[in-house]
């Protein structure tokens, strides 16, 4: 079937899975497909998966390929949209510096654009989700790391080099640890799920006692919050310190951006009452000129399709 409405395909390329969605410029979804990303393979194999997943989504939508006006790719890492490539991609280093857009178009010759996945998830939430009707939105994802996407005046803000929005690398403690970030005392080095587990393990290795000792090397953020609810003193202290740092980081971004809405997603957003809400309360106390008191903070509305829908929004732009 040929569609009378222009359709686009958005592909979210992650370290474990590649998800494609077919939809229109209003965010209406007609079909989707998911495949393993083959992240340990060569760049050409990864691009083959991207194209295959996109074509499967078109087939599942029940429309002809001729109905697809363009494609958007959402990928984790530092994206150079002008050259159509990822400059840095920790999850899939094989595709760093590979010309992804031109490789895609060699296999399917349609107009194709590329953007950072968190940026595009933010764009999707602003256009179609919890931020619909707003013009200034900050999207934050808190899981194994901390990422962000900035939408200003209705458009994704990417900065001079194209890499803006890496809010997880804001310094919240000048003398703090590096963790996985090269920025000293970075937000994600204090507050991500990986950071919480690392900090708890370091404190136990230094001699502090905790019920978490039984978790051994498998300790994760879920276990820490379970221990907190059970009254474990070390877990409570680790989370309390992280809330202090998270509140500081949120204060910084609100002072700089003054967004209408902050959308907070990722695995740790499931700990809203015990982690996110206290951090937001701290931000509301500390933000300059009471800016944060009026900022709406909400979980995302679009789920795992957000990055792909944002890629559609990017592809549909004039």
Protein backbone atom coordinates (compact mmCIF):
# COMPACT_ATOMS: atom_id res chain seq x y z
CA UNK A 1 0.00 0.00 0.00
CA UNK A 2 1.23 3.47 -0.89
CA UNK A 3 0.59 6.14 1.72
CA UNK A 4 -0.85 9.54 0.80
CA UNK A 5 0.89 11.01 3.85
CA UNK A 6 4.71 11.34 3.76
CA UNK A 7 6.25 8.58 5.88
CA UNK A 8 9.68 8.28 7.41
CA UNK A 9 11.68 5.56 9.09
CA UNK A 10 13.55 6.25 12.33
CA UNK A 11 16.22 3.86 13.55
CA UNK A 12 17.61 3.82 17.10
CA UNK A 13 20.97 2.05 17.09
CA UNK A 14 22.07 0.82 20.51
CA UNK A 15 24.79 -1.43 21.83
CA UNK A 16 22.47 -4.43 22.16
CA UNK A 17 19.52 -3.81 19.86
CA UNK A 18 18.53 -1.83 16.79
CA UNK A 19 14.92 -0.59 16.76
CA UNK A 20 13.20 0.91 13.72
CA UNK A 21 9.85 2.69 13.54
CA UNK A 22 7.82 3.85 10.55
CA UNK A 23 5.70 6.91 11.12
CA UNK A 24 4.70 10.36 9.93
CA UNK A 25 5.65 13.87 10.98
CA UNK A 26 2.97 13.93 13.69
CA UNK A 27 4.55 11.01 15.56
CA UNK A 28 1.93 8.46 14.47
CA UNK A 29 3.56 5.01 14.33
CA UNK A 30 2.55 2.47 11.69
CA UNK A 31 5.10 -0.29 12.20
CA UNK A 32 8.25 -1.28 14.06
CA UNK A 33 10.99 -3.91 14.03
CA UNK A 34 13.82 -4.90 16.38
CA UNK A 35 17.03 -6.86 15.79
CA UNK A 36 20.26 -7.52 17.71
CA UNK A 37 22.77 -4.80 16.80
CA UNK A 38 25.76 -7.09 16.11
CA UNK A 39 27.82 -4.47 17.95
CA UNK A 40 30.96 -6.65 17.96
CA UNK A 41 31.01 -6.92 14.17
CA UNK A 42 32.53 -4.70 11.45
CA UNK A 43 30.90 -1.39 10.56
CA UNK A 44 29.46 -2.76 7.31
CA UNK A 45 27.74 -5.61 9.17
CA UNK A 46 26.25 -3.15 11.68
CA UNK A 47 24.95 -0.97 8.83
CA UNK A 48 23.46 -4.07 7.16
CA UNK A 49 21.49 -4.67 10.37
CA UNK A 50 20.35 -1.02 10.44
CA UNK A 51 19.02 -1.23 6.89
CA UNK A 52 17.50 -4.68 7.40
CA UNK A 53 15.65 -3.49 10.53
CA UNK A 54 14.40 -0.38 8.72
CA UNK A 55 13.07 -2.44 5.80
CA UNK A 56 11.40 -4.89 8.20
CA UNK A 57 9.64 -1.98 9.93
CA UNK A 58 8.36 -0.80 6.54
CA UNK A 59 7.06 -4.30 5.76
CA UNK A 60 5.40 -4.51 9.19
CA UNK A 61 3.75 -1.14 8.56
CA UNK A 62 2.12 -2.58 5.44
CA UNK A 63 3.35 0.20 3.16
CA UNK A 64 5.56 0.25 0.10
CA UNK A 65 9.17 1.42 0.23
CA UNK A 66 8.21 4.14 -2.23
CA UNK A 67 6.12 5.76 0.54
CA UNK A 68 9.24 6.39 2.66
CA UNK A 69 10.47 9.95 2.09
CA UNK A 70 13.54 9.74 4.32
CA UNK A 71 15.32 8.07 7.21
CA UNK A 72 16.76 9.23 10.50
CA UNK A 73 19.35 7.42 12.59
CA UNK A 74 19.63 7.92 16.36
CA UNK A 75 22.94 6.68 17.77
CA UNK A 76 24.74 6.84 21.10
CA UNK A 77 27.93 8.87 21.09
CA UNK A 78 29.35 12.07 19.65
CA UNK A 79 27.64 12.64 16.31
CA UNK A 80 28.93 14.81 13.46
CA UNK A 81 25.72 15.39 11.48
CA UNK A 82 27.47 17.34 8.72
CA UNK A 83 29.69 14.38 7.84
CA UNK A 84 27.02 11.83 8.72
CA UNK A 85 29.14 9.91 11.18
CA UNK A 86 29.91 9.15 14.81
CA UNK A 87 33.15 10.67 16.03
CA UNK A 88 33.03 8.62 19.22
CA UNK A 89 30.85 5.62 20.07
CA UNK A 90 31.86 3.81 23.29
CA UNK A 91 29.14 1.17 22.86
CA UNK A 92 30.16 0.30 19.29
CA UNK A 93 33.72 1.49 18.64
CA UNK A 94 33.75 -0.26 15.25
CA UNK A 95 31.44 2.40 13.78
CA UNK A 96 33.35 5.40 15.14
CA UNK A 97 34.51 7.47 12.15
CA UNK A 98 32.61 5.22 9.72
CA UNK A 99 30.47 7.25 7.25
CA UNK A 100 27.19 5.78 8.48
CA UNK A 101 24.86 7.98 6.44
CA UNK A 102 26.62 7.34 3.14
CA UNK A 103 26.89 3.62 3.96
CA UNK A 104 23.14 3.54 4.65
CA UNK A 105 22.41 5.33 1.39
CA UNK A 106 24.55 2.89 -0.58
CA UNK A 107 22.08 0.22 0.55
CA UNK A 108 18.90 2.32 0.44
CA UNK A 109 19.13 5.56 -1.50
CA UNK A 110 16.77 7.85 0.40
CA UNK A 111 17.51 11.15 2.19
CA UNK A 112 19.10 10.21 5.51
CA UNK A 113 20.09 12.19 8.60
CA UNK A 114 21.78 11.24 11.87
CA UNK A 115 21.71 12.56 15.43
CA UNK A 116 22.62 11.67 18.99
CA UNK A 117 20.08 9.31 20.55
CA UNK A 118 19.48 11.35 23.73
CA UNK A 119 19.10 14.55 21.70
CA UNK A 120 16.53 12.89 19.47
CA UNK A 121 14.66 11.32 22.40
CA UNK A 122 14.39 14.84 23.79
CA UNK A 123 13.13 16.13 20.45
CA UNK A 124 10.51 13.37 20.34
CA UNK A 125 9.28 14.17 23.85
CA UNK A 126 9.06 17.86 22.93
CA UNK A 127 7.20 17.22 19.66
CA UNK A 128 5.01 14.24 20.52
CA UNK A 129 5.33 13.39 24.22
CA UNK A 130 5.25 14.89 27.67
CA UNK A 131 6.68 18.19 26.42
CA UNK A 132 4.24 18.69 23.55
CA UNK A 133 3.33 22.37 23.35
CA UNK A 134 6.57 23.54 24.99
CA UNK A 135 9.55 25.12 23.25
CA UNK A 136 12.37 24.58 25.78
CA UNK A 137 12.93 21.07 27.15
CA UNK A 138 15.76 19.18 28.80
CA UNK A 139 15.81 15.40 28.45
CA UNK A 140 17.89 13.39 30.93
CA UNK A 141 18.47 9.66 30.96
CA UNK A 142 19.92 8.10 34.12
CA UNK A 143 20.96 4.46 33.92
CA UNK A 144 24.44 2.92 33.56
CA UNK A 145 25.54 6.42 32.54
CA UNK A 146 23.87 9.83 32.41
CA UNK A 147 23.04 11.46 29.10
CA UNK A 148 20.99 14.39 27.95
CA UNK A 149 19.32 16.16 25.10
CA UNK A 150 18.59 19.89 24.90
CA UNK A 151 15.70 21.37 22.91
CA UNK A 152 15.77 25.17 22.70
CA UNK A 153 13.16 27.21 20.84
CA UNK A 154 11.74 23.99 19.46
CA UNK A 155 15.00 22.73 17.94
CA UNK A 156 17.70 20.37 19.16
CA UNK A 157 20.70 22.34 20.40
CA UNK A 158 23.95 20.64 19.34
CA UNK A 159 26.48 23.44 19.86
CA UNK A 160 29.46 24.44 17.73
CA UNK A 161 30.97 20.96 17.37
CA UNK A 162 27.68 19.08 17.32
CA UNK A 163 28.30 17.39 20.67
CA UNK A 164 26.30 19.60 23.07
CA UNK A 165 24.03 17.94 25.60
CA UNK A 166 26.60 15.68 27.28
CA UNK A 167 25.30 16.73 30.67
CA UNK A 168 26.52 13.59 32.41
CA UNK A 169 30.00 15.10 32.24
CA UNK A 170 29.14 18.20 34.27
CA UNK A 171 31.50 18.39 37.25
CA UNK A 172 29.66 18.16 40.57
CA UNK A 173 32.78 17.63 42.70
CA UNK A 174 36.11 19.08 41.56
CA UNK A 175 38.05 16.57 43.65
CA UNK A 176 35.74 13.69 42.86
CA UNK A 177 36.41 10.41 41.04
CA UNK A 178 36.64 9.90 37.32
CA UNK A 179 34.55 6.73 37.08
CA UNK A 180 33.87 6.15 33.36
CA UNK A 181 34.12 9.86 32.53
CA UNK A 182 37.32 11.74 31.76
CA UNK A 183 35.85 14.76 33.58
CA UNK A 184 36.84 14.85 37.26
CA UNK A 185 33.88 14.42 39.62
CA UNK A 186 31.40 14.12 36.75
CA UNK A 187 27.67 13.82 37.40
CA UNK A 188 27.58 10.28 35.99
CA UNK A 189 30.64 9.30 38.06
CA UNK A 190 28.60 10.06 41.21
CA UNK A 191 24.97 9.37 40.33
CA UNK A 192 24.61 6.74 37.58
CA UNK A 193 23.75 3.15 38.39
CA UNK A 194 27.32 2.13 37.60
CA UNK A 195 28.63 4.83 39.94
CA UNK A 196 26.38 3.83 42.83
CA UNK A 197 27.60 0.23 42.59
CA UNK A 198 31.25 1.31 42.31
CA UNK A 199 31.02 3.64 45.31
CA UNK A 200 29.29 1.02 47.47
CA UNK A 201 31.93 -1.58 46.55
CA UNK A 202 34.75 0.87 47.31
CA UNK A 203 33.32 1.66 50.73
CA UNK A 204 32.86 -2.01 51.60
CA UNK A 205 36.42 -2.73 50.43
CA UNK A 206 37.56 0.01 52.84
CA UNK A 207 35.93 -1.86 55.72
CA UNK A 208 32.33 -0.62 55.99
CA UNK A 209 29.83 -3.38 56.76
CA UNK A 210 26.65 -3.80 54.76
CA UNK A 211 24.06 -6.36 53.77
CA UNK A 212 25.26 -5.65 50.22
CA UNK A 213 28.38 -7.75 50.86
CA UNK A 214 26.41 -10.84 49.88
CA UNK A 215 25.99 -9.45 46.35
CA UNK A 216 29.73 -9.72 45.70
CA UNK A 217 30.88 -8.50 42.29
CA UNK A 218 27.31 -8.59 40.96
CA UNK A 219 26.25 -5.50 42.90
CA UNK A 220 24.01 -3.13 40.95
CA UNK A 221 21.79 -0.13 41.58
CA UNK A 222 18.68 -2.29 42.02
CA UNK A 223 20.33 -4.10 44.94
CA UNK A 224 21.37 -0.78 46.49
CA UNK A 225 17.85 0.63 46.46
CA UNK A 226 16.44 -2.65 47.78
CA UNK A 227 18.98 -2.46 50.64
CA UNK A 228 18.05 1.17 51.27
CA UNK A 229 14.38 0.19 51.68
CA UNK A 230 15.47 -2.58 54.06
CA UNK A 231 17.26 -0.03 56.23
CA UNK A 232 20.89 -0.72 55.26
CA UNK A 233 23.03 2.18 56.52
CA UNK A 234 25.66 2.06 53.78
CA UNK A 235 23.07 1.94 50.98
CA UNK A 236 21.21 4.85 52.60
CA UNK A 237 24.44 6.88 52.80
CA UNK A 238 25.44 6.12 49.19
CA UNK A 239 22.06 7.22 47.88
CA UNK A 240 21.94 10.31 50.12
CA UNK A 241 25.31 11.46 48.81
CA UNK A 242 24.17 10.82 45.22
CA UNK A 243 20.99 12.85 45.82
CA UNK A 244 23.13 15.77 46.98
CA UNK A 245 25.25 15.59 43.82
CA UNK A 246 22.21 15.09 41.59
CA UNK A 247 20.51 18.12 43.09
CA UNK A 248 23.65 20.15 42.43
CA UNK A 249 23.78 19.01 38.80
CA UNK A 250 20.09 19.72 38.22
CA UNK A 251 20.56 23.17 39.74
CA UNK A 252 23.38 23.89 37.28
CA UNK A 253 21.38 22.91 34.19
CA UNK A 254 18.31 24.83 35.36
CA UNK A 255 20.42 27.92 36.07
CA UNK A 256 21.90 27.71 32.56
CA UNK A 257 18.87 26.66 30.49
CA UNK A 258 15.74 27.63 32.48
CA UNK A 259 13.70 24.94 30.68
CA UNK A 260 9.92 24.70 30.73
CA UNK A 261 10.08 20.98 31.42
CA UNK A 262 12.72 18.43 32.42
CA UNK A 263 12.03 14.87 31.30
CA UNK A 264 13.92 12.27 33.32
CA UNK A 265 14.05 8.71 32.02
CA UNK A 266 16.39 5.74 32.13
CA UNK A 267 16.41 2.79 34.50
CA UNK A 268 16.93 4.83 37.66
CA UNK A 269 13.86 6.93 36.92
CA UNK A 270 11.99 3.88 38.27
CA UNK A 271 13.30 4.99 41.68
CA UNK A 272 11.38 8.25 41.34
CA UNK A 273 10.22 8.67 44.94
CA UNK A 274 13.46 7.60 46.58
CA UNK A 275 15.97 9.15 44.15
CA UNK A 276 14.60 11.54 41.55
CA UNK A 277 12.05 13.44 43.65
CA UNK A 278 14.50 14.30 46.50
CA UNK A 279 17.07 15.47 43.93
CA UNK A 280 14.48 17.69 42.25
CA UNK A 281 13.45 19.09 45.64
CA UNK A 282 17.08 20.07 46.27
CA UNK A 283 17.23 21.77 42.86
CA UNK A 284 14.09 23.74 43.62
CA UNK A 285 15.71 25.04 46.79
CA UNK A 286 19.02 25.98 45.18
CA UNK A 287 18.19 27.29 41.69
CA UNK A 288 18.94 30.97 41.09
CA UNK A 289 16.05 33.45 41.35
CA UNK A 290 13.61 30.62 42.11
CA UNK A 291 13.74 29.45 38.48
CA UNK A 292 13.46 25.81 39.44
CA UNK A 293 10.26 26.27 41.40
CA UNK A 294 8.25 26.62 38.18
CA UNK A 295 10.07 23.96 36.16
CA UNK A 296 7.91 20.94 35.44
CA UNK A 297 9.72 17.64 35.97
CA UNK A 298 8.17 14.46 34.58
CA UNK A 299 8.99 10.94 33.40
CA UNK A 300 8.98 10.34 29.62
CA UNK A 301 5.80 9.45 27.76
CA UNK A 302 7.16 7.69 24.68
CA UNK A 303 9.02 4.68 26.06
CA UNK A 304 11.69 2.83 24.11
CA UNK A 305 10.54 4.26 20.78
CA UNK A 306 11.53 7.82 21.77
CA UNK A 307 14.90 7.82 19.98
CA UNK A 308 13.44 6.40 16.78
CA UNK A 309 10.52 8.86 16.85
CA UNK A 310 12.99 11.70 17.34
CA UNK A 311 14.90 10.44 14.31
CA UNK A 312 11.65 10.63 12.35
CA UNK A 313 11.11 14.19 13.56
CA UNK A 314 14.64 15.07 12.43
CA UNK A 315 14.15 13.43 9.01
CA UNK A 316 10.83 15.23 8.52
CA UNK A 317 12.26 18.70 9.12
CA UNK A 318 12.33 20.91 6.03
